[in-house]
Amino acid sequence: MTARTTLAGAVSVCLTVLAVTIGCTTSTPQASSSTRPPATKAPSSSQPTASPPPAAPGVGSCHRLSLQAATAPTDSRPAVPCGSSHTTVTVRVGHFDPVRDGHLLSVDSRSVQRQIAARCPTGPSGYLGGTLADRRLSRFAVVWFSPTVEQGQAGATWFRCDLLALAGTGPGQGLAVLPAHLHGILDRPHALDRFGTCGSAAPDSPHFDRVICARRHTWRAVSVIPLAPHARFHERPAGAAADGRCKQVAAAAAGGALRYTWAFEWPTLQQWRAGQRYGFCWLPTH
């Protein structure tokens, strides 16, 4: 993407976003003998009872995970107090159906994982608060965990959805430390000043890194720009229209100044294929 500075106008291009998967047996009874010994009372014995399946995690529990651990399919680490340093919060716990076409599936099967992936992203909206645009502009993301294969074999059918905030996308970057009380955070004033999406350099700079706004930055994603419903990826007319709307945002922020800079960002091809039909309007913060 080329950042645009204007007295009248300039040119914008796209910026690639670095984003952040029983058998049963029976026995045949033997024929009884014609003569039987006197009946005796058999000694009593207790049958072993099956162990209950591992309990599901609790909504609202906090976890201290690295980015690598947060993107793993399972997590067996114990929860930590939410008043201590933590990087994810469990916002939803549900149950998947382990049976398909009469067959019991493993928790790591594609069918089970698809069930979880379809249900977890819908959980954070009510938890975070704010508008849809606020949530899109934030660095919050959702990850999910299933039981381990061993827990699944013991009967566990739960899944866990956690919220996290990405601190950055560059080498060595990871997750942001979350506040003790995360519920409704985007309803609070200036929440995006801390958890919004910012840039460490101009979007067209080779040194650009997408960072959480709590970190040092020089650019900020300030608005979500919808693309035309039937637009094609990187279609010029759709891009020009979105860029024009971003220019209007920049002009309003300039407060009457004749010179101002902006940059419109298309979604990545991966995001586009996943159905994202909006981009971001970026403005410098200095």
C-alpha atoms as a PDB file:
ATOM      1  CA  MET A   1       0.000   0.000   0.000  1.00  0.00           C
ATOM      2  CA  THR A   2       1.218   3.468  -0.783  1.00  0.00           C
ATOM      3  CA  ALA A   3       0.246   6.022   1.818  1.00  0.00           C
ATOM      4  CA  ARG A   4      -1.493   8.954   0.185  1.00  0.00           C
ATOM      5  CA  THR A   5      -0.744  12.564   1.019  1.00  0.00           C
ATOM      6  CA  THR A   6      -2.805  15.260  -0.584  1.00  0.00           C
ATOM      7  CA  LEU A   7      -3.396  18.819  -1.391  1.00  0.00           C
ATOM      8  CA  ALA A   8      -5.647  17.230  -3.987  1.00  0.00           C
ATOM      9  CA  GLY A   9      -4.885  13.440  -4.134  1.00  0.00           C
ATOM     10  CA  ALA A  10      -2.484  10.550  -4.855  1.00  0.00           C
ATOM     11  CA  VAL A  11      -2.486   6.729  -5.478  1.00  0.00           C
ATOM     12  CA  SER A  12      -3.170   3.773  -3.110  1.00  0.00           C
ATOM     13  CA  VAL A  13      -2.284   0.117  -3.506  1.00  0.00           C
ATOM     14  CA  CYS A  14      -2.868  -2.899  -1.290  1.00  0.00           C
ATOM     15  CA  LEU A  15      -0.980  -3.971   1.801  1.00  0.00           C
ATOM     16  CA  THR A  16      -0.599  -7.657   2.584  1.00  0.00           C
ATOM     17  CA  VAL A  17      -1.732  -8.323   6.125  1.00  0.00           C
ATOM     18  CA  LEU A  18       0.150 -10.842   8.199  1.00  0.00           C
ATOM     19  CA  ALA A  19      -2.577 -12.663  10.053  1.00  0.00           C
ATOM     20  CA  VAL A  20      -2.411 -14.629  12.533  1.00  0.00           C
ATOM     21  CA  THR A  21      -6.829 -26.804  12.665  1.00  0.00           C
ATOM     22  CA  ILE A  22     -16.644 -50.246  20.798  1.00  0.00           C
ATOM     23  CA  GLY A  23     -17.118 -53.455  20.389  1.00  0.00           C
ATOM     24  CA  CYS A  24     -19.186 -55.757  22.556  1.00  0.00           C
ATOM     25  CA  THR A  25     -18.708 -59.481  23.250  1.00  0.00           C
ATOM     26  CA  THR A  26     -21.219 -62.028  24.454  1.00  0.00           C
ATOM     27  CA  SER A  27     -20.659 -65.441  25.933  1.00  0.00           C
ATOM     28  CA  THR A  28     -22.806 -68.514  25.200  1.00  0.00           C
ATOM     29  CA  PRO A  29     -24.068 -70.163  28.420  1.00  0.00           C
ATOM     30  CA  GLN A  30     -22.983 -73.764  28.898  1.00  0.00           C
ATOM     31  CA  ALA A  31     -25.626 -76.531  29.137  1.00  0.00           C
ATOM     32  CA  SER A  32     -26.578 -77.161  32.737  1.00  0.00           C
ATOM     33  CA  SER A  33     -25.714 -80.470  34.354  1.00  0.00           C
ATOM     34  CA  SER A  34     -28.476 -82.868  35.375  1.00  0.00           C
ATOM     35  CA  THR A  35     -27.050 -82.926  38.875  1.00  0.00           C
ATOM     36  CA  ARG A  36     -26.103 -79.763  40.699  1.00  0.00           C
ATOM     37  CA  PRO A  37     -24.224 -79.285  43.923  1.00  0.00           C
ATOM     38  CA  PRO A  38     -26.088 -77.667  46.774  1.00  0.00           C
ATOM     39  CA  ALA A  39     -26.520 -73.974  46.209  1.00  0.00           C
ATOM     40  CA  THR A  40     -24.162 -71.788  48.123  1.00  0.00           C
ATOM     41  CA  LYS A  41     -24.259 -68.023  48.457  1.00  0.00           C
ATOM     42  CA  ALA A  42     -21.665 -66.474  46.219  1.00  0.00           C
ATOM     43  CA  PRO A  43     -19.414 -63.958  47.878  1.00  0.00           C
ATOM     44  CA  SER A  44     -20.529 -60.424  47.121  1.00  0.00           C
ATOM     45  CA  SER A  45     -18.331 -58.372  44.852  1.00  0.00           C
ATOM     46  CA  SER A  46     -18.686 -54.826  43.638  1.00  0.00           C
ATOM     47  CA  GLN A  47     -18.323 -54.041  39.973  1.00  0.00           C
ATOM     48  CA  PRO A  48     -15.904 -51.213  39.230  1.00  0.00           C
ATOM     49  CA  THR A  49     -17.734 -48.029  38.181  1.00  0.00           C
ATOM     50  CA  ALA A  50     -16.635 -46.108  35.133  1.00  0.00           C
ATOM     51  CA  SER A  51     -14.775 -42.890  35.851  1.00  0.00           C
ATOM     52  CA  PRO A  52     -16.675 -39.751  34.867  1.00  0.00           C
ATOM     53  CA  PRO A  53     -15.292 -37.893  31.839  1.00  0.00           C
ATOM     54  CA  PRO A  54     -12.905 -35.014  32.545  1.00  0.00           C
ATOM     55  CA  ALA A  55     -14.785 -31.913  33.595  1.00  0.00           C
ATOM     56  CA  ALA A  56     -15.216 -29.043  31.167  1.00  0.00           C
ATOM     57  CA  PRO A  57     -13.287 -25.800  31.756  1.00  0.00           C
ATOM     58  CA  GLY A  58     -15.063 -22.883  33.355  1.00  0.00           C
ATOM     59  CA  VAL A  59     -16.205 -19.739  31.545  1.00  0.00           C
ATOM     60  CA  GLY A  60     -14.280 -16.758  32.856  1.00  0.00           C
ATOM     61  CA  SER A  61     -11.159 -18.741  33.718  1.00  0.00           C
ATOM     62  CA  CYS A  62      -7.833 -17.107  32.884  1.00  0.00           C
ATOM     63  CA  HIS A  63      -4.735 -18.662  31.349  1.00  0.00           C
ATOM     64  CA  ARG A  64      -1.106 -17.712  30.891  1.00  0.00           C
ATOM     65  CA  LEU A  65      -0.279 -18.921  27.375  1.00  0.00           C
ATOM     66  CA  SER A  66       2.326 -18.048  24.795  1.00  0.00           C
ATOM     67  CA  LEU A  67       1.292 -17.403  21.198  1.00  0.00           C
ATOM     68  CA  GLN A  68       2.523 -20.898  20.278  1.00  0.00           C
ATOM     69  CA  ALA A  69       0.517 -22.525  23.088  1.00  0.00           C
ATOM     70  CA  ALA A  70      -2.566 -20.467  22.230  1.00  0.00           C
ATOM     71  CA  THR A  71      -2.561 -21.782  18.664  1.00  0.00           C
ATOM     72  CA  ALA A  72      -2.183 -25.443  19.686  1.00  0.00           C
ATOM     73  CA  PRO A  73      -5.257 -27.702  19.392  1.00  0.00           C
ATOM     74  CA  THR A  74      -5.336 -28.621  23.086  1.00  0.00           C
ATOM     75  CA  ASP A  75      -4.325 -27.018  26.375  1.00  0.00           C
ATOM     76  CA  SER A  76      -4.002 -28.934  29.636  1.00  0.00           C
ATOM     77  CA  ARG A  77      -2.284 -26.220  31.658  1.00  0.00           C
ATOM     78  CA  PRO A  78      -4.093 -25.203  34.854  1.00  0.00           C
ATOM     79  CA  ALA A  79      -5.907 -21.876  34.933  1.00  0.00           C
ATOM     80  CA  VAL A  80      -4.329 -18.947  36.784  1.00  0.00           C
ATOM     81  CA  PRO A  81      -5.975 -16.252  38.950  1.00  0.00           C
ATOM     82  CA  CYS A  82      -7.394 -13.500  36.761  1.00  0.00           C
ATOM     83  CA  GLY A  83      -5.752 -10.948  39.038  1.00  0.00           C
ATOM     84  CA  SER A  84      -2.347 -12.286  37.995  1.00  0.00           C
ATOM     85  CA  SER A  85      -0.614 -11.909  34.637  1.00  0.00           C
ATOM     86  CA  HIS A  86      -2.574 -13.794  31.967  1.00  0.00           C
ATOM     87  CA  THR A  87      -3.008 -13.698  28.190  1.00  0.00           C
ATOM     88  CA  THR A  88      -6.273 -15.544  27.439  1.00  0.00           C
ATOM     89  CA  VAL A  89      -9.739 -15.713  29.006  1.00  0.00           C
ATOM     90  CA  THR A  90     -12.250 -18.503  28.402  1.00  0.00           C
ATOM     91  CA  VAL A  91     -15.420 -16.828  27.105  1.00  0.00           C
ATOM     92  CA  ARG A  92     -17.421 -19.839  25.980  1.00  0.00           C
ATOM     93  CA  VAL A  93     -17.617 -23.559  26.699  1.00  0.00           C
ATOM     94  CA  GLY A  94     -19.829 -25.824  24.626  1.00  0.00           C
ATOM     95  CA  HIS A  95     -20.173 -29.426  23.543  1.00  0.00           C
ATOM     96  CA  PHE A  96     -19.651 -31.054  20.165  1.00  0.00           C
ATOM     97  CA  ASP A  97     -21.406 -34.127  18.771  1.00  0.00           C
ATOM     98  CA  PRO A  98     -18.880 -36.979  18.618  1.00  0.00           C
ATOM     99  CA  VAL A  99     -21.165 -39.283  16.586  1.00  0.00           C
ATOM    100  CA  ARG A 100     -21.547 -39.096  12.829  1.00  0.00           C
ATOM    101  CA  ASP A 101     -23.439 -41.625  10.739  1.00  0.00           C
ATOM    102  CA  GLY A 102     -23.510 -43.937  13.732  1.00  0.00           C
ATOM    103  CA  HIS A 103     -19.735 -43.836  14.226  1.00  0.00           C
ATOM    104  CA  LEU A 104     -17.927 -42.455  17.261  1.00  0.00           C
ATOM    105  CA  LEU A 105     -15.371 -39.886  16.131  1.00  0.00           C
ATOM    106  CA  SER A 106     -12.084 -38.942  17.705  1.00  0.00           C
ATOM    107  CA  VAL A 107     -11.830 -35.387  19.053  1.00  0.00           C
ATOM    108  CA  ASP A 108      -9.068 -34.650  16.545  1.00  0.00           C
ATOM    109  CA  SER A 109     -11.192 -35.711  13.568  1.00  0.00           C
ATOM    110  CA  ARG A 110     -11.918 -33.154  10.870  1.00  0.00           C
ATOM    111  CA  SER A 111     -15.656 -33.322  11.544  1.00  0.00           C
ATOM    112  CA  VAL A 112     -15.294 -32.500  15.250  1.00  0.00           C
ATOM    113  CA  GLN A 113     -12.774 -29.735  14.617  1.00  0.00           C
ATOM    114  CA  ARG A 114     -15.083 -28.159  12.027  1.00  0.00           C
ATOM    115  CA  GLN A 115     -17.904 -28.115  14.583  1.00  0.00           C
ATOM    116  CA  ILE A 116     -15.739 -26.252  17.065  1.00  0.00           C
ATOM    117  CA  ALA A 117     -14.323 -23.823  14.495  1.00  0.00           C
ATOM    118  CA  ALA A 118     -17.856 -22.915  13.398  1.00  0.00           C
ATOM    119  CA  ARG A 119     -19.096 -22.183  16.919  1.00  0.00           C
ATOM    120  CA  CYS A 120     -16.219 -20.475  18.692  1.00  0.00           C
ATOM    121  CA  PRO A 121     -15.892 -17.281  16.599  1.00  0.00           C
ATOM    122  CA  THR A 122     -19.495 -16.352  17.455  1.00  0.00           C
ATOM    123  CA  GLY A 123     -18.802 -16.192  21.179  1.00  0.00           C
ATOM    124  CA  PRO A 124     -16.729 -13.034  21.798  1.00  0.00           C
ATOM    125  CA  SER A 125     -19.105 -10.367  20.452  1.00  0.00           C
ATOM    126  CA  GLY A 126     -21.324 -10.272  23.522  1.00  0.00           C
ATOM    127  CA  TYR A 127     -18.359 -10.679  25.843  1.00  0.00           C
ATOM    128  CA  LEU A 128     -16.268  -7.820  24.467  1.00  0.00           C
ATOM    129  CA  GLY A 129     -19.076  -5.327  23.976  1.00  0.00           C
ATOM    130  CA  GLY A 130     -18.593  -2.378  21.643  1.00  0.00           C
ATOM    131  CA  THR A 131     -19.826  -2.102  18.078  1.00  0.00           C
ATOM    132  CA  LEU A 132     -19.000  -4.463  15.229  1.00  0.00           C
ATOM    133  CA  ALA A 133     -16.552  -1.852  13.920  1.00  0.00           C
ATOM    134  CA  ASP A 134     -14.902  -1.629  17.362  1.00  0.00           C
ATOM    135  CA  ARG A 135     -14.362  -5.368  17.417  1.00  0.00           C
ATOM    136  CA  ARG A 136     -12.957  -5.378  13.891  1.00  0.00           C
ATOM    137  CA  LEU A 137     -10.568  -2.523  14.723  1.00  0.00           C
ATOM    138  CA  SER A 138      -9.365  -4.224  17.894  1.00  0.00           C
ATOM    139  CA  ARG A 139      -6.512  -6.710  18.240  1.00  0.00           C
ATOM    140  CA  PHE A 140      -8.776  -9.212  19.978  1.00  0.00           C
ATOM    141  CA  ALA A 141      -9.031 -12.672  18.451  1.00  0.00           C
ATOM    142  CA  VAL A 142     -10.546 -15.982  19.464  1.00  0.00           C
ATOM    143  CA  VAL A 143      -8.823 -19.357  19.645  1.00  0.00           C
ATOM    144  CA  TRP A 144     -10.305 -22.712  20.590  1.00  0.00           C
ATOM    145  CA  PHE A 145      -9.265 -25.929  22.263  1.00  0.00           C
ATOM    146  CA  SER A 146     -10.681 -29.438  22.270  1.00  0.00           C
ATOM    147  CA  PRO A 147     -10.011 -32.201  24.807  1.00  0.00           C
ATOM    148  CA  THR A 148      -6.933 -34.300  24.253  1.00  0.00           C
ATOM    149  CA  VAL A 149      -7.405 -37.617  22.465  1.00  0.00           C
ATOM    150  CA  GLU A 150      -7.080 -39.384  25.833  1.00  0.00           C
ATOM    151  CA  GLN A 151      -9.729 -37.117  27.401  1.00  0.00           C
ATOM    152  CA  GLY A 152     -11.990 -37.722  24.422  1.00  0.00           C
ATOM    153  CA  GLN A 153     -11.609 -41.469  24.828  1.00  0.00           C
ATOM    154  CA  ALA A 154     -12.666 -40.987  28.458  1.00  0.00           C
ATOM    155  CA  GLY A 155     -15.874 -39.327  27.284  1.00  0.00           C
ATOM    156  CA  ALA A 156     -15.076 -35.601  27.184  1.00  0.00           C
ATOM    157  CA  THR A 157     -17.089 -33.745  24.526  1.00  0.00           C
ATOM    158  CA  TRP A 158     -16.487 -30.106  25.515  1.00  0.00           C
ATOM    159  CA  PHE A 159     -14.698 -27.376  23.651  1.00  0.00           C
ATOM    160  CA  ARG A 160     -13.255 -24.140  25.006  1.00  0.00           C
ATOM    161  CA  CYS A 161     -13.148 -20.717  23.320  1.00  0.00           C
ATOM    162  CA  ASP A 162     -10.564 -18.210  24.568  1.00  0.00           C
ATOM    163  CA  LEU A 163     -10.131 -14.516  23.844  1.00  0.00           C
ATOM    164  CA  LEU A 164      -6.657 -13.051  23.415  1.00  0.00           C
ATOM    165  CA  ALA A 165      -5.114  -9.827  22.141  1.00  0.00           C
ATOM    166  CA  LEU A 166      -2.307  -9.977  19.580  1.00  0.00           C
ATOM    167  CA  ALA A 167       0.508  -7.647  20.567  1.00  0.00           C
ATOM    168  CA  GLY A 168       2.262  -7.723  17.190  1.00  0.00           C
ATOM    169  CA  THR A 169       2.927  -9.784  14.099  1.00  0.00           C
ATOM    170  CA  GLY A 170       6.681  -9.365  13.748  1.00  0.00           C
ATOM    171  CA  PRO A 171       9.411 -11.776  14.883  1.00  0.00           C
ATOM    172  CA  GLY A 172       9.382 -12.272  18.637  1.00  0.00           C
ATOM    173  CA  GLN A 173       5.938 -10.741  19.028  1.00  0.00           C
ATOM    174  CA  GLY A 174       3.280 -12.482  21.041  1.00  0.00           C
ATOM    175  CA  LEU A 175       0.207 -11.906  23.157  1.00  0.00           C
ATOM    176  CA  ALA A 176      -0.716  -8.884  25.230  1.00  0.00           C
ATOM    177  CA  VAL A 177      -1.346  -9.173  28.962  1.00  0.00           C
ATOM    178  CA  LEU A 178      -5.078  -8.818  29.607  1.00  0.00           C
ATOM    179  CA  PRO A 179      -6.825  -6.849  32.358  1.00  0.00           C
ATOM    180  CA  ALA A 180      -8.383  -8.647  35.320  1.00  0.00           C
ATOM    181  CA  HIS A 181     -11.870  -7.664  34.119  1.00  0.00           C
ATOM    182  CA  LEU A 182     -12.199  -8.136  30.360  1.00  0.00           C
ATOM    183  CA  HIS A 183     -15.974  -8.446  30.051  1.00  0.00           C
ATOM    184  CA  GLY A 184     -17.439  -5.475  28.164  1.00  0.00           C
ATOM    185  CA  ILE A 185     -14.047  -3.855  27.671  1.00  0.00           C
ATOM    186  CA  LEU A 186     -14.915  -2.304  24.302  1.00  0.00           C
ATOM    187  CA  ASP A 187     -17.792  -0.430  25.946  1.00  0.00           C
ATOM    188  CA  ARG A 188     -15.243   1.475  28.020  1.00  0.00           C
ATOM    189  CA  PRO A 189     -13.978   4.893  26.874  1.00  0.00           C
ATOM    190  CA  HIS A 190     -10.707   4.863  24.934  1.00  0.00           C
ATOM    191  CA  ALA A 191     -10.482   1.052  24.935  1.00  0.00           C
ATOM    192  CA  LEU A 192      -9.127   1.098  21.382  1.00  0.00           C
ATOM    193  CA  ASP A 193      -6.333   3.441  22.464  1.00  0.00           C
ATOM    194  CA  ARG A 194      -4.959   0.368  24.219  1.00  0.00           C
ATOM    195  CA  PHE A 195      -6.379  -2.578  22.261  1.00  0.00           C
ATOM    196  CA  GLY A 196      -6.811  -1.071  18.791  1.00  0.00           C
ATOM    197  CA  THR A 197      -4.810  -1.905  15.651  1.00  0.00           C
ATOM    198  CA  CYS A 198      -1.818   0.339  14.979  1.00  0.00           C
ATOM    199  CA  GLY A 199       1.314   0.304  12.840  1.00  0.00           C
ATOM    200  CA  SER A 200       4.943   0.691  13.856  1.00  0.00           C
ATOM    201  CA  ALA A 201       5.667   2.541  10.591  1.00  0.00           C
ATOM    202  CA  ALA A 202       3.866   3.775   7.485  1.00  0.00           C
ATOM    203  CA  PRO A 203       1.811   0.975   5.908  1.00  0.00           C
ATOM    204  CA  ASP A 204       3.951   1.065   2.758  1.00  0.00           C
ATOM    205  CA  SER A 205       7.206   0.909   4.743  1.00  0.00           C
ATOM    206  CA  PRO A 206       9.304  -2.289   4.760  1.00  0.00           C
ATOM    207  CA  HIS A 207       9.553  -1.757   8.531  1.00  0.00           C
ATOM    208  CA  PHE A 208       5.779  -1.806   9.016  1.00  0.00           C
ATOM    209  CA  ASP A 209       4.519  -4.131  11.728  1.00  0.00           C
ATOM    210  CA  ARG A 210       0.925  -4.363  12.865  1.00  0.00           C
ATOM    211  CA  VAL A 211       0.941  -3.786  16.636  1.00  0.00           C
ATOM    212  CA  ILE A 212      -1.485  -3.242  19.453  1.00  0.00           C
ATOM    213  CA  CYS A 213      -2.018   0.484  20.022  1.00  0.00           C
ATOM    214  CA  ALA A 214      -0.639   0.249  23.565  1.00  0.00           C
ATOM    215  CA  ARG A 215       2.774  -0.151  21.925  1.00  0.00           C
ATOM    216  CA  ARG A 216       4.771   2.547  20.193  1.00  0.00           C
ATOM    217  CA  HIS A 217       3.252   3.330  16.808  1.00  0.00           C
ATOM    218  CA  THR A 218       3.039   5.990  14.105  1.00  0.00           C
ATOM    219  CA  TRP A 219      -0.085   4.895  12.198  1.00  0.00           C
ATOM    220  CA  ARG A 220      -3.512   3.691  13.296  1.00  0.00           C
ATOM    221  CA  ALA A 221      -6.439   1.883  11.680  1.00  0.00           C
ATOM    222  CA  VAL A 222      -9.247   4.336  12.443  1.00  0.00           C
ATOM    223  CA  SER A 223     -12.194   3.130  10.368  1.00  0.00           C
ATOM    224  CA  VAL A 224     -13.688   0.041   8.746  1.00  0.00           C
ATOM    225  CA  ILE A 225     -14.530   0.619   5.077  1.00  0.00           C
ATOM    226  CA  PRO A 226     -17.101  -1.766   3.532  1.00  0.00           C
ATOM    227  CA  LEU A 227     -16.431  -2.921  -0.009  1.00  0.00           C
ATOM    228  CA  ALA A 228     -19.110  -3.205  -2.669  1.00  0.00           C
ATOM    229  CA  PRO A 229     -21.107  -6.435  -2.097  1.00  0.00           C
ATOM    230  CA  HIS A 230     -20.405  -7.847  -5.566  1.00  0.00           C
ATOM    231  CA  ALA A 231     -16.846  -6.542  -5.917  1.00  0.00           C
ATOM    232  CA  ARG A 232     -14.043  -8.780  -7.101  1.00  0.00           C
ATOM    233  CA  PHE A 233     -10.771  -9.044  -5.218  1.00  0.00           C
ATOM    234  CA  HIS A 234      -8.649  -5.925  -5.868  1.00  0.00           C
ATOM    235  CA  GLU A 235     -11.192  -4.648  -8.357  1.00  0.00           C
ATOM    236  CA  ARG A 236     -10.226  -1.102  -9.312  1.00  0.00           C
ATOM    237  CA  PRO A 237     -13.663   0.542  -9.096  1.00  0.00           C
ATOM    238  CA  ALA A 238     -14.326  -1.013  -5.672  1.00  0.00           C
ATOM    239  CA  GLY A 239     -10.872  -0.009  -4.471  1.00  0.00           C
ATOM    240  CA  ALA A 240     -11.284   3.541  -5.745  1.00  0.00           C
ATOM    241  CA  ALA A 241     -14.643   3.903  -3.988  1.00  0.00           C
ATOM    242  CA  ALA A 242     -13.249   2.589  -0.703  1.00  0.00           C
ATOM    243  CA  ASP A 243     -10.186   4.797  -1.031  1.00  0.00           C
ATOM    244  CA  GLY A 244     -12.442   7.797  -1.560  1.00  0.00           C
ATOM    245  CA  ARG A 245     -14.298   7.044   1.666  1.00  0.00           C
ATOM    246  CA  CYS A 246     -10.992   6.736   3.502  1.00  0.00           C
ATOM    247  CA  LYS A 247      -9.957  10.115   2.092  1.00  0.00           C
ATOM    248  CA  GLN A 248     -13.137  11.616   3.557  1.00  0.00           C
ATOM    249  CA  VAL A 249     -12.243  10.159   6.952  1.00  0.00           C
ATOM    250  CA  ALA A 250      -8.769  11.695   6.678  1.00  0.00           C
ATOM    251  CA  ALA A 251     -10.162  15.065   5.637  1.00  0.00           C
ATOM    252  CA  ALA A 252     -12.524  15.120   8.613  1.00  0.00           C
ATOM    253  CA  ALA A 253      -9.673  14.202  10.975  1.00  0.00           C
ATOM    254  CA  ALA A 254      -7.485  16.957   9.468  1.00  0.00           C
ATOM    255  CA  GLY A 255      -9.851  19.599  10.814  1.00  0.00           C
ATOM    256  CA  GLY A 256      -9.717  21.828   7.782  1.00  0.00           C
ATOM    257  CA  ALA A 257      -6.028  21.418   6.989  1.00  0.00           C
ATOM    258  CA  LEU A 258      -5.287  21.225   3.277  1.00  0.00           C
ATOM    259  CA  ARG A 259      -2.572  18.611   3.604  1.00  0.00           C
ATOM    260  CA  TYR A 260      -3.358  15.174   5.046  1.00  0.00           C
ATOM    261  CA  THR A 261      -2.319  11.558   4.545  1.00  0.00           C
ATOM    262  CA  TRP A 262      -4.256   8.318   4.488  1.00  0.00           C
ATOM    263  CA  ALA A 263      -4.051   4.716   3.273  1.00  0.00           C
ATOM    264  CA  PHE A 264      -6.801   2.226   2.451  1.00  0.00           C
ATOM    265  CA  GLU A 265      -6.018  -1.444   3.049  1.00  0.00           C
ATOM    266  CA  TRP A 266      -7.701  -4.327   1.233  1.00  0.00           C
ATOM    267  CA  PRO A 267      -8.246  -7.638   3.044  1.00  0.00           C
ATOM    268  CA  THR A 268      -5.747 -10.345   2.211  1.00  0.00           C
ATOM    269  CA  LEU A 269      -6.663 -13.026  -0.309  1.00  0.00           C
ATOM    270  CA  GLN A 270      -7.097 -15.510   2.545  1.00  0.00           C
ATOM    271  CA  GLN A 271      -9.455 -13.129   4.346  1.00  0.00           C
ATOM    272  CA  TRP A 272     -11.322 -12.448   1.122  1.00  0.00           C
ATOM    273  CA  ARG A 273     -11.863 -16.162   0.502  1.00  0.00           C
ATOM    274  CA  ALA A 274     -13.144 -16.470   4.079  1.00  0.00           C
ATOM    275  CA  GLY A 275     -15.792 -13.868   3.293  1.00  0.00           C
ATOM    276  CA  GLN A 276     -14.292 -10.610   4.575  1.00  0.00           C
ATOM    277  CA  ARG A 277     -15.691  -7.739   2.519  1.00  0.00           C
ATOM    278  CA  TYR A 278     -14.225  -4.743   4.286  1.00  0.00           C
ATOM    279  CA  GLY A 279     -10.874  -3.043   4.567  1.00  0.00           C
ATOM    280  CA  PHE A 280      -9.221  -0.559   6.911  1.00  0.00           C
ATOM    281  CA  CYS A 281      -8.600   3.161   6.660  1.00  0.00           C
ATOM    282  CA  TRP A 282      -5.218   4.101   8.135  1.00  0.00           C
ATOM    283  CA  LEU A 283      -4.114   7.553   9.297  1.00  0.00           C
ATOM    284  CA  PRO A 284      -0.766   8.708  10.707  1.00  0.00           C
ATOM    285  CA  THR A 285      -0.750   9.523  14.411  1.00  0.00           C
ATOM    286  CA  HIS A 286       2.017  12.129  14.425  1.00  0.00           C
END
